Amino acid sequence: MNVLYILIPLALLLLAGAVWAFFWAVSSGQFDDLDTPAMRVILDDDKKPPEAEDS
């Protein structure tokens, strides 16, 4: 039963840290554009790859 006196404040500290990290991420723009990075993978490049030199 005494362990609850340690675990409850520890859980509240972890919760406060998670809430702070979420609000920091929102305010710093981490969630502004969620679609472009996923679509960037399937877009073609305009440049051709460099050709290998024969040695």
C-alpha atoms as a PDB file:
ATOM      1  CA  MET A   1       0.000   0.000   0.000  1.00  0.00           C
ATOM      2  CA  ASN A   2       2.914   2.346   0.631  1.00  0.00           C
ATOM      3  CA  VAL A   3       4.039   1.955  -2.951  1.00  0.00           C
ATOM      4  CA  LEU A   4       0.962   3.918  -4.059  1.00  0.00           C
ATOM      5  CA  TYR A   5       2.415   7.011  -2.382  1.00  0.00           C
ATOM      6  CA  ILE A   6       5.271   6.783  -4.897  1.00  0.00           C
ATOM      7  CA  LEU A   7       3.435   5.515  -7.980  1.00  0.00           C
ATOM      8  CA  ILE A   8       0.586   8.034  -8.026  1.00  0.00           C
ATOM      9  CA  PRO A   9       2.811  11.154  -7.992  1.00  0.00           C
ATOM     10  CA  LEU A  10       5.140   9.483 -10.491  1.00  0.00           C
ATOM     11  CA  ALA A  11       2.205   8.773 -12.807  1.00  0.00           C
ATOM     12  CA  LEU A  12       1.030  12.369 -12.482  1.00  0.00           C
ATOM     13  CA  LEU A  13       4.513  13.643 -13.342  1.00  0.00           C
ATOM     14  CA  LEU A  14       4.643  11.411 -16.412  1.00  0.00           C
ATOM     15  CA  LEU A  15       1.197  12.602 -17.455  1.00  0.00           C
ATOM     16  CA  ALA A  16       2.233  16.225 -17.048  1.00  0.00           C
ATOM     17  CA  GLY A  17       5.346  15.562 -19.139  1.00  0.00           C
ATOM     18  CA  ALA A  18       3.307  13.927 -21.895  1.00  0.00           C
ATOM     19  CA  VAL A  19       0.819  16.812 -21.959  1.00  0.00           C
ATOM     20  CA  TRP A  20       3.676  19.339 -22.076  1.00  0.00           C
ATOM     21  CA  ALA A  21       5.358  17.432 -24.927  1.00  0.00           C
ATOM     22  CA  PHE A  22       2.095  17.333 -26.884  1.00  0.00           C
ATOM     23  CA  PHE A  23       1.478  21.067 -26.540  1.00  0.00           C
ATOM     24  CA  TRP A  24       5.109  21.809 -27.400  1.00  0.00           C
ATOM     25  CA  ALA A  25       4.824  19.714 -30.569  1.00  0.00           C
ATOM     26  CA  VAL A  26       1.604  21.456 -31.573  1.00  0.00           C
ATOM     27  CA  SER A  27       3.009  24.931 -30.951  1.00  0.00           C
ATOM     28  CA  SER A  28       6.252  24.208 -32.832  1.00  0.00           C
ATOM     29  CA  GLY A  29       4.370  23.080 -35.961  1.00  0.00           C
ATOM     30  CA  GLN A  30       5.026  19.345 -35.887  1.00  0.00           C
ATOM     31  CA  PHE A  31       1.452  18.567 -36.991  1.00  0.00           C
ATOM     32  CA  ASP A  32       1.019  21.284 -39.621  1.00  0.00           C
ATOM     33  CA  ASP A  33       1.431  19.186 -42.777  1.00  0.00           C
ATOM     34  CA  LEU A  34       0.757  15.474 -42.428  1.00  0.00           C
ATOM     35  CA  ASP A  35       0.070  14.662 -46.090  1.00  0.00           C
ATOM     36  CA  THR A  36       3.063  15.993 -48.014  1.00  0.00           C
ATOM     37  CA  PRO A  37       5.802  13.838 -46.406  1.00  0.00           C
ATOM     38  CA  ALA A  38       3.799  10.682 -47.175  1.00  0.00           C
ATOM     39  CA  MET A  39       3.227  11.696 -50.788  1.00  0.00           C
ATOM     40  CA  ARG A  40       6.833  12.768 -51.350  1.00  0.00           C
ATOM     41  CA  VAL A  41       7.833   9.104 -51.483  1.00  0.00           C
ATOM     42  CA  ILE A  42       5.759   8.367 -54.580  1.00  0.00           C
ATOM     43  CA  LEU A  43       6.621  11.522 -56.537  1.00  0.00           C
ATOM     44  CA  ASP A  44       9.100  11.127 -59.368  1.00  0.00           C
ATOM     45  CA  ASP A  45      12.338  13.051 -59.425  1.00  0.00           C
ATOM     46  CA  ASP A  46      12.986  15.329 -62.388  1.00  0.00           C
ATOM     47  CA  LYS A  47      16.692  14.513 -62.488  1.00  0.00           C
ATOM     48  CA  LYS A  48      18.174  11.371 -63.925  1.00  0.00           C
ATOM     49  CA  PRO A  49      20.425   9.334 -61.654  1.00  0.00           C
ATOM     50  CA  PRO A  50      24.171   9.780 -62.268  1.00  0.00           C
ATOM     51  CA  GLU A  51      25.619   7.260 -64.658  1.00  0.00           C
ATOM     52  CA  ALA A  52      28.259   4.878 -63.416  1.00  0.00           C
ATOM     53  CA  GLU A  53      31.733   5.287 -64.862  1.00  0.00           C
ATOM     54  CA  ASP A  54      33.322   2.240 -66.436  1.00  0.00           C
ATOM     55  CA  SER A  55      36.800   1.637 -65.038  1.00  0.00           C
END
